[in-house]
Protein backbone atom coordinates (compact mmCIF):
# COMPACT_ATOMS: atom_id res chain seq x y z
CA MET A 1 -24.76 -5.04 -22.82
CA VAL A 2 -23.14 -1.74 -21.85
CA HIS A 3 -21.03 -2.45 -18.77
CA LEU A 4 -20.75 0.55 -16.45
CA ASN A 5 -20.20 -1.42 -13.25
CA ASN A 6 -16.42 -1.70 -13.39
CA ALA A 7 -16.05 -0.58 -9.77
CA GLY A 8 -18.09 -3.65 -8.86
CA SER A 9 -16.61 -6.26 -11.16
CA SER A 10 -15.21 -5.46 -14.58
CA LEU A 11 -15.20 -7.55 -17.75
CA PRO A 12 -12.06 -9.69 -18.16
CA PRO A 13 -10.19 -9.60 -21.46
CA SER A 14 -10.51 -12.86 -23.42
CA ARG A 15 -6.90 -13.77 -22.73
CA VAL A 16 -7.62 -13.68 -18.98
CA THR A 17 -10.53 -16.08 -19.36
CA ASP A 18 -8.43 -18.29 -21.65
CA THR A 19 -5.62 -18.39 -19.09
CA VAL A 20 -7.96 -19.59 -16.34
CA VAL A 21 -9.80 -22.13 -18.49
CA ASP A 22 -6.62 -23.52 -20.05
CA TYR A 23 -5.07 -23.95 -16.61
CA LEU A 24 -8.13 -25.77 -15.30
CA ARG A 25 -8.28 -28.09 -18.32
CA GLU A 26 -4.63 -29.04 -17.92
CA GLU A 27 -5.06 -29.47 -14.16
CA ALA A 28 -7.97 -31.84 -14.84
CA LEU A 29 -5.68 -33.97 -17.03
CA ILE A 30 -2.50 -34.18 -14.95
CA GLY A 31 -3.52 -33.27 -11.35
CA GLY A 32 -3.55 -30.17 -9.20
CA TYR A 33 -0.15 -30.55 -7.54
CA GLU A 34 1.45 -31.56 -10.82
CA GLN A 35 0.00 -28.59 -12.70
CA ALA A 36 1.15 -26.23 -9.96
CA ALA A 37 4.67 -27.66 -10.19
CA ALA A 38 4.69 -27.44 -13.98
CA THR A 39 3.64 -23.76 -13.88
CA ALA A 40 5.70 -22.66 -10.87
CA GLU A 41 7.83 -20.34 -12.97
CA ARG A 42 4.74 -18.71 -14.44
CA MET A 43 3.36 -18.22 -10.92
CA GLU A 44 6.56 -16.42 -9.92
CA GLY A 45 5.89 -14.19 -12.89
CA VAL A 46 2.58 -13.16 -11.31
CA TYR A 47 4.51 -11.80 -8.31
CA ALA A 48 6.83 -9.93 -10.66
CA SER A 49 3.93 -8.43 -12.62
CA ALA A 50 2.11 -7.32 -9.46
CA ALA A 51 5.32 -5.77 -8.17
CA ARG A 52 5.84 -3.92 -11.45
CA LEU A 53 2.29 -2.56 -11.34
CA VAL A 54 2.90 -0.80 -8.01
CA GLY A 55 6.65 -0.12 -8.22
CA ALA A 56 7.70 -2.75 -5.69
CA GLU A 57 9.91 -5.83 -5.49
CA PRO A 58 8.46 -9.34 -5.94
CA GLY A 59 9.35 -10.20 -2.33
CA ASP A 60 7.05 -7.39 -1.17
CA ILE A 61 4.00 -9.04 -2.79
CA ALA A 62 1.56 -11.57 -1.31
CA LEU A 63 -1.09 -13.16 -3.54
CA THR A 64 -4.52 -13.39 -1.92
CA ASP A 65 -8.16 -13.98 -2.78
CA ASN A 66 -9.36 -10.35 -2.52
CA ALA A 67 -8.51 -6.86 -1.31
CA THR A 68 -10.34 -7.21 2.00
CA ARG A 69 -8.37 -10.33 2.95
CA SER A 70 -5.18 -8.51 1.97
CA TRP A 71 -6.16 -5.54 4.12
CA GLN A 72 -7.20 -7.74 7.05
CA ALA A 73 -3.95 -9.70 6.93
CA VAL A 74 -2.09 -6.52 7.83
CA PHE A 75 -4.64 -4.90 10.11
CA TYR A 76 -5.11 -7.92 12.36
CA ALA A 77 -1.34 -8.37 12.62
CA LEU A 78 -0.93 -4.95 14.22
CA PRO A 79 -0.94 -4.80 18.04
CA PHE A 80 -3.43 -2.44 19.67
CA ALA A 81 -4.02 -1.57 23.32
CA ALA A 82 -6.38 0.63 25.31
CA GLY A 83 -6.02 4.27 24.28
CA ASP A 84 -4.30 3.54 20.95
CA ARG A 85 -5.82 5.64 18.17
CA ILE A 86 -6.71 4.58 14.64
CA LEU A 87 -7.12 7.48 12.21
CA THR A 88 -9.32 7.06 9.16
CA ALA A 89 -11.38 9.07 6.64
CA LYS A 90 -15.04 10.06 6.60
CA SER A 91 -15.36 8.24 3.28
CA GLU A 92 -14.05 4.93 4.68
CA TYR A 93 -15.52 1.63 3.53
CA ALA A 94 -17.75 -0.58 5.68
CA SER A 95 -15.54 -3.69 5.85
CA ASN A 96 -12.59 -1.66 7.09
CA VAL A 97 -14.59 0.28 9.68
CA ILE A 98 -16.21 -2.90 10.99
CA SER A 99 -12.70 -4.24 11.60
CA PHE A 100 -11.73 -1.00 13.39
CA LEU A 101 -14.79 -1.25 15.61
CA GLN A 102 -14.16 -4.91 16.41
CA ILE A 103 -10.59 -4.23 17.51
CA ALA A 104 -11.72 -1.16 19.48
CA LYS A 105 -14.26 -3.34 21.28
CA ARG A 106 -11.65 -6.00 22.03
CA THR A 107 -8.76 -3.77 23.10
CA GLY A 108 -10.04 -0.33 24.07
CA ALA A 109 -8.41 1.29 21.05
CA VAL A 110 -10.15 4.39 19.67
CA VAL A 111 -11.38 4.96 16.13
CA GLU A 112 -11.01 8.60 15.12
CA VAL A 113 -12.39 10.08 11.90
CA VAL A 114 -10.34 12.85 10.26
CA ASP A 115 -12.28 15.82 8.91
CA ASN A 116 -12.78 16.50 5.20
CA ASP A 117 -11.49 19.64 3.55
CA GLU A 118 -13.74 21.96 1.55
CA SER A 119 -13.54 19.67 -1.51
CA GLY A 120 -14.76 16.61 0.42
CA GLN A 121 -11.47 14.70 0.51
CA LEU A 122 -9.51 13.91 3.66
CA ASP A 123 -8.11 17.09 5.18
CA VAL A 124 -4.34 16.57 5.43
CA GLU A 125 -3.93 19.55 7.78
CA ASP A 126 -6.46 18.07 10.20
CA LEU A 127 -4.62 14.76 9.96
CA LYS A 128 -1.37 16.49 10.94
CA ARG A 129 -3.05 18.11 13.95
CA ARG A 130 -4.29 14.75 15.20
CA VAL A 131 -0.98 12.88 14.97
CA ASP A 132 0.71 12.12 18.28
CA GLY A 133 2.34 9.21 20.09
CA ASP A 134 -0.98 7.46 20.68
CA VAL A 135 -1.74 7.09 16.95
CA LYS A 136 -0.84 3.54 15.98
CA LEU A 137 -2.35 3.38 12.48
CA ILE A 138 -3.50 5.60 9.64
CA ALA A 139 -5.83 3.63 7.35
CA VAL A 140 -7.63 5.16 4.38
CA SER A 141 -9.37 4.06 1.20
CA HIS A 142 -7.65 5.64 -1.78
CA VAL A 143 -10.91 5.78 -3.77
CA PRO A 144 -14.15 5.37 -1.76
CA THR A 145 -16.81 2.94 -2.91
CA GLN A 146 -19.52 5.63 -2.91
CA GLY A 147 -18.00 8.36 -5.07
CA GLY A 148 -15.43 9.46 -7.58
CA LEU A 149 -13.02 11.34 -5.34
CA VAL A 150 -9.39 10.27 -5.01
CA ASN A 151 -8.07 10.83 -1.50
CA PRO A 152 -4.65 12.56 -1.32
CA ALA A 153 -2.74 9.37 -0.54
CA GLU A 154 0.70 10.78 -1.28
CA GLU A 155 0.24 13.59 1.24
CA ILE A 156 -1.27 11.23 3.81
CA GLY A 157 1.66 8.87 3.33
CA ALA A 158 4.15 11.69 3.84
CA VAL A 159 2.52 12.57 7.18
CA ALA A 160 2.56 8.93 8.30
CA ARG A 161 6.16 8.39 7.21
CA GLU A 162 7.42 11.48 9.04
CA ALA A 163 5.63 10.40 12.22
CA GLY A 164 6.71 6.75 11.93
CA ILE A 165 3.08 5.55 11.92
CA PRO A 166 2.04 2.57 9.74
CA PHE A 167 -0.05 3.66 6.74
CA LEU A 168 -2.47 1.05 5.38
CA LEU A 169 -3.93 2.10 2.02
CA ASP A 170 -6.94 0.34 0.52
CA ALA A 171 -6.47 0.53 -3.27
CA CYS A 172 -9.23 -1.87 -4.28
CA GLN A 173 -11.02 0.83 -6.33
CA SER A 174 -7.92 2.63 -7.61
CA ALA A 175 -5.71 -0.24 -8.84
CA GLY A 176 -6.21 -0.68 -12.55
CA GLN A 177 -7.57 2.81 -13.16
CA ILE A 178 -4.90 4.95 -11.43
CA ASP A 179 -1.14 4.73 -11.84
CA LEU A 180 0.16 3.55 -8.44
CA ASP A 181 3.69 3.73 -7.06
CA VAL A 182 4.28 2.64 -3.48
CA ALA A 183 7.36 4.83 -3.09
CA ARG A 184 5.37 7.89 -4.09
CA LEU A 185 2.44 6.81 -1.89
CA ASN A 186 4.71 6.25 1.14
CA CYS A 187 2.44 3.41 2.27
CA ASP A 188 3.48 0.52 4.49
CA ALA A 189 0.83 -1.72 2.96
CA LEU A 190 -1.40 -1.59 -0.10
CA SER A 191 -4.38 -3.90 -0.64
CA ILE A 192 -5.69 -4.68 -4.14
CA THR A 193 -8.42 -6.77 -5.72
CA GLY A 194 -8.34 -8.42 -9.14
CA ARG A 195 -11.97 -8.24 -10.18
CA LYS A 196 -12.48 -4.48 -10.44
CA TYR A 197 -10.45 -2.13 -12.62
CA LEU A 198 -7.67 -4.68 -13.15
CA ARG A 199 -10.19 -6.83 -15.09
CA GLY A 200 -8.97 -10.01 -13.42
CA PRO A 201 -10.93 -13.02 -12.14
CA ARG A 202 -13.12 -12.80 -9.07
CA GLY A 203 -11.57 -14.29 -5.94
CA THR A 204 -8.13 -12.79 -6.61
CA GLY A 205 -6.12 -9.98 -5.11
CA PHE A 206 -2.72 -9.08 -3.80
CA LEU A 207 -1.01 -7.25 -0.98
CA TYR A 208 2.06 -5.05 -0.99
CA ALA A 209 3.85 -5.06 2.37
CA HIS A 210 6.97 -2.95 2.94
CA PRO A 211 9.93 -4.64 4.69
CA ARG A 212 9.71 -2.14 7.56
CA LEU A 213 6.19 -3.37 8.26
CA ARG A 214 7.08 -7.06 7.96
CA GLU A 215 9.90 -6.61 10.47
CA ARG A 216 7.54 -5.34 13.18
CA VAL A 217 4.54 -7.67 12.90
CA GLU A 218 3.62 -11.34 12.92
CA PRO A 219 0.48 -12.35 11.03
CA ALA A 220 -2.56 -13.22 13.13
CA MET A 221 -2.77 -16.59 11.35
CA LEU A 222 0.02 -18.79 10.03
CA ASP A 223 0.23 -22.08 8.18
CA LEU A 224 2.98 -24.25 6.69
CA HIS A 225 3.29 -21.86 3.74
CA SER A 226 3.63 -18.58 5.65
CA ALA A 227 5.92 -20.19 8.24
CA VAL A 228 8.16 -23.25 8.57
CA TRP A 229 7.88 -25.72 11.47
CA THR A 230 11.59 -25.86 12.26
CA ALA A 231 11.50 -28.17 15.31
CA PRO A 232 8.84 -29.76 17.53
CA GLU A 233 8.38 -26.54 19.50
CA THR A 234 9.60 -23.82 17.13
CA TYR A 235 8.61 -22.18 13.84
CA GLU A 236 10.03 -19.49 11.59
CA VAL A 237 7.87 -16.94 9.75
CA ASP A 238 8.65 -16.24 6.11
CA SER A 239 10.55 -12.95 5.82
CA THR A 240 8.91 -11.96 2.53
CA ALA A 241 5.34 -10.79 2.06
CA LYS A 242 4.39 -14.45 1.65
CA MET A 243 4.11 -14.38 5.44
CA PHE A 244 0.58 -13.07 4.76
CA GLU A 245 -0.39 -15.87 2.35
CA VAL A 246 -1.95 -19.29 2.87
CA TRP A 247 -0.92 -22.50 1.15
CA GLU A 248 -4.20 -23.49 -0.49
CA ARG A 249 -5.45 -21.06 -3.11
CA ASP A 250 -6.98 -20.85 -6.58
CA HIS A 251 -3.95 -21.28 -8.85
CA ALA A 252 -5.92 -20.94 -12.07
CA ALA A 253 -7.47 -17.65 -10.96
CA LEU A 254 -4.13 -16.25 -9.80
CA HIS A 255 -2.59 -17.06 -13.17
CA GLY A 256 -5.52 -15.17 -14.66
CA LEU A 257 -4.74 -12.25 -12.36
CA GLY A 258 -1.19 -12.20 -13.67
CA THR A 259 -2.48 -12.10 -17.23
CA ALA A 260 -4.84 -9.23 -16.36
CA ILE A 261 -2.02 -7.22 -14.78
CA ASP A 262 0.20 -7.81 -17.80
CA TYR A 263 -2.65 -6.68 -20.06
CA ALA A 264 -2.99 -3.43 -18.13
CA LEU A 265 0.77 -2.88 -18.20
CA GLU A 266 0.79 -3.34 -21.97
CA TRP A 267 -1.68 -0.48 -22.38
CA GLY A 268 0.21 1.54 -19.78
CA MET A 269 -1.31 2.82 -16.57
CA PRO A 270 -0.85 6.54 -17.39
CA ALA A 271 -2.82 6.05 -20.63
CA ILE A 272 -5.53 4.06 -18.84
CA GLU A 273 -5.82 6.67 -16.09
CA ALA A 274 -6.18 9.51 -18.61
CA ARG A 275 -8.81 7.65 -20.64
CA VAL A 276 -10.90 6.63 -17.63
CA ALA A 277 -10.81 10.10 -16.05
CA ALA A 278 -11.80 11.77 -19.33
CA LEU A 279 -14.78 9.45 -19.89
CA ALA A 280 -15.97 9.94 -16.31
CA ALA A 281 -15.71 13.72 -16.64
CA LYS A 282 -17.87 13.56 -19.79
CA LEU A 283 -20.43 11.46 -17.93
CA ARG A 284 -20.57 13.84 -14.96
CA ASP A 285 -20.99 16.85 -17.24
CA ALA A 286 -23.75 15.14 -19.22
CA LEU A 287 -25.65 14.05 -16.10
CA ARG A 288 -25.50 17.56 -14.65
CA GLU A 289 -27.36 18.78 -17.72
CA VAL A 290 -30.34 16.51 -16.96
CA PRO A 291 -33.01 18.29 -14.86
CA GLY A 292 -33.75 16.41 -11.64
CA VAL A 293 -30.41 14.57 -11.60
CA LYS A 294 -27.76 15.36 -8.98
CA VAL A 295 -24.14 14.20 -9.22
CA HIS A 296 -22.64 13.54 -5.77
CA ASP A 297 -18.93 13.10 -6.50
CA GLN A 298 -16.49 15.16 -4.41
CA GLY A 299 -12.76 15.82 -4.30
CA THR A 300 -10.23 17.97 -6.13
CA ARG A 301 -9.15 14.89 -8.06
CA GLN A 302 -11.74 12.51 -9.46
CA CYS A 303 -11.66 9.12 -11.15
CA GLY A 304 -13.84 6.69 -13.08
CA ILE A 305 -16.63 6.31 -10.50
CA VAL A 306 -19.64 8.58 -11.03
CA THR A 307 -22.44 8.62 -8.44
CA PHE A 308 -25.78 10.32 -8.88
CA SER A 309 -29.41 10.34 -7.79
CA VAL A 310 -32.65 11.06 -9.65
CA ALA A 311 -35.16 13.20 -7.77
CA LYS A 312 -38.27 11.42 -9.05
CA THR A 313 -36.96 7.84 -9.07
CA PRO A 314 -35.38 5.74 -6.28
CA SER A 315 -31.89 4.55 -7.14
CA GLN A 316 -32.81 0.85 -7.07
CA GLU A 317 -35.52 1.53 -9.65
CA VAL A 318 -33.04 3.49 -11.76
CA LYS A 319 -30.74 0.48 -11.70
CA GLN A 320 -33.55 -1.85 -12.73
CA ARG A 321 -34.70 0.40 -15.54
CA LEU A 322 -31.13 0.71 -16.82
CA ALA A 323 -30.70 -3.06 -16.66
CA ALA A 324 -33.83 -3.42 -18.83
CA ALA A 325 -32.08 -1.13 -21.34
CA LYS A 326 -28.99 -3.39 -21.14
CA VAL A 327 -26.89 -0.96 -19.10
CA ASN A 328 -25.12 -2.29 -16.01
CA VAL A 329 -24.74 -0.01 -12.97
CA SER A 330 -24.91 -0.59 -9.22
CA VAL A 331 -26.38 1.11 -6.16
CA THR A 332 -24.37 2.12 -3.11
CA GLU A 333 -26.12 2.66 0.23
CA ALA A 334 -25.41 3.95 3.72
CA THR A 335 -24.40 0.49 4.96
CA SER A 336 -21.29 0.76 2.78
CA ALA A 337 -20.15 4.15 4.11
CA GLN A 338 -22.04 5.25 7.21
CA PHE A 339 -19.76 8.18 8.09
CA ASP A 340 -20.12 9.78 4.66
CA PHE A 341 -23.82 9.09 4.09
CA ALA A 342 -24.74 10.47 7.53
CA GLU A 343 -22.50 13.52 7.14
CA ARG A 344 -23.96 14.49 3.76
CA GLY A 345 -27.50 13.19 4.26
CA LEU A 346 -27.20 11.10 1.13
CA PRO A 347 -29.91 8.90 -0.35
CA PRO A 348 -28.93 5.57 -1.95
CA LEU A 349 -26.79 6.47 -4.97
CA VAL A 350 -26.61 5.07 -8.47
CA ARG A 351 -22.96 4.22 -9.12
CA SER A 352 -21.81 4.21 -12.71
CA SER A 353 -18.15 3.33 -13.23
CA VAL A 354 -16.52 3.69 -16.63
CA HIS A 355 -13.47 1.91 -17.99
CA TYR A 356 -11.25 2.54 -21.00
CA PHE A 357 -13.25 0.13 -23.17
CA ASN A 358 -16.40 2.20 -22.70
CA THR A 359 -17.34 4.72 -25.36
CA GLU A 360 -19.07 8.07 -25.66
CA GLU A 361 -22.01 6.16 -27.13
CA ASP A 362 -22.23 4.15 -23.89
CA ILE A 363 -22.37 7.39 -21.95
CA ALA A 364 -25.04 8.82 -24.22
CA LEU A 365 -27.16 5.69 -23.77
CA LEU A 366 -26.95 5.89 -19.97
CA VAL A 367 -27.75 9.61 -19.90
CA GLY A 368 -30.63 9.17 -22.32
CA GLU A 369 -32.21 6.43 -20.23
CA VAL A 370 -31.74 8.42 -17.02
CA GLY A 371 -33.36 11.40 -18.68
CA LYS A 372 -36.54 9.35 -19.15
CA LEU A 373 -36.72 8.84 -15.36
CA ALA A 374 -35.98 12.41 -14.26
């Protein structure tokens, strides 16, 4: 099987699978609490590895079960009132926008979509023009689900930092394929999943939360892990990013996440980023040579996600035909990115997402099969 669905869920290295299975086997022998206690030091190492991946401190990291939960933990902790403005991108992802709309409905806050520049990425100059005292959040997906562009997160972060506005960056599609550094990004929070380009287990993720953010919010939900019941009528919230965690979680999977992060760090994120971008560029160029195929990726900077459509064949059928040829891809539709699909009049798109373990032969197989459908 040629796996070109790494933006959906990538293939874990064998050592990641071994970590999870070994943990579960030992847990089955000695008990869940006992195994957690015996591996507590290793679990602390997961925080350290996640921090190293994004250039943070271990106390800035919360371990979660996916990127959306990480993102929601911060978003729903922020206070909004009537007239408060939330700025986001035209390429923003469905789960995030649904949350914006829910809070707008509850509070009277306003969701405002920043224009794109001529390349299709968020227009930083338009963002600057929109910033004023009513803007309470800037929230953007670093890499959209429906295309290969990389939004200019560093420039967005600089605008937010200068204005003193919280910047929530969704890095679920960029972590593991792009070298991330929270100081360079100037983000207050960064949400990450394990299953995509990090090649970790499903049901894992983590959150970076800057101390300046933690000082100004209280999580929407707390338990005896994120806070301490200090007296019958008082509690104290954890001062670290663990304030956004919950006590019960999948320890085996999180150990696997740590192994996946360490594996990526061994290869080196700059090397991974260069390899992934080069393979994706080859794929885009090859697809553009096929009559009847249109590549839809935008942005001045592009990554490992390549989206395209075939004039004569619906995207779902393309996916099915590729699956029959043992090539994994996915299809992204308007329900995932309504702003962008409506703006560009896009049909459902075939999404092919390469990783460093893919080869030029994999690309040739995909392009050859697509050529039969064009």
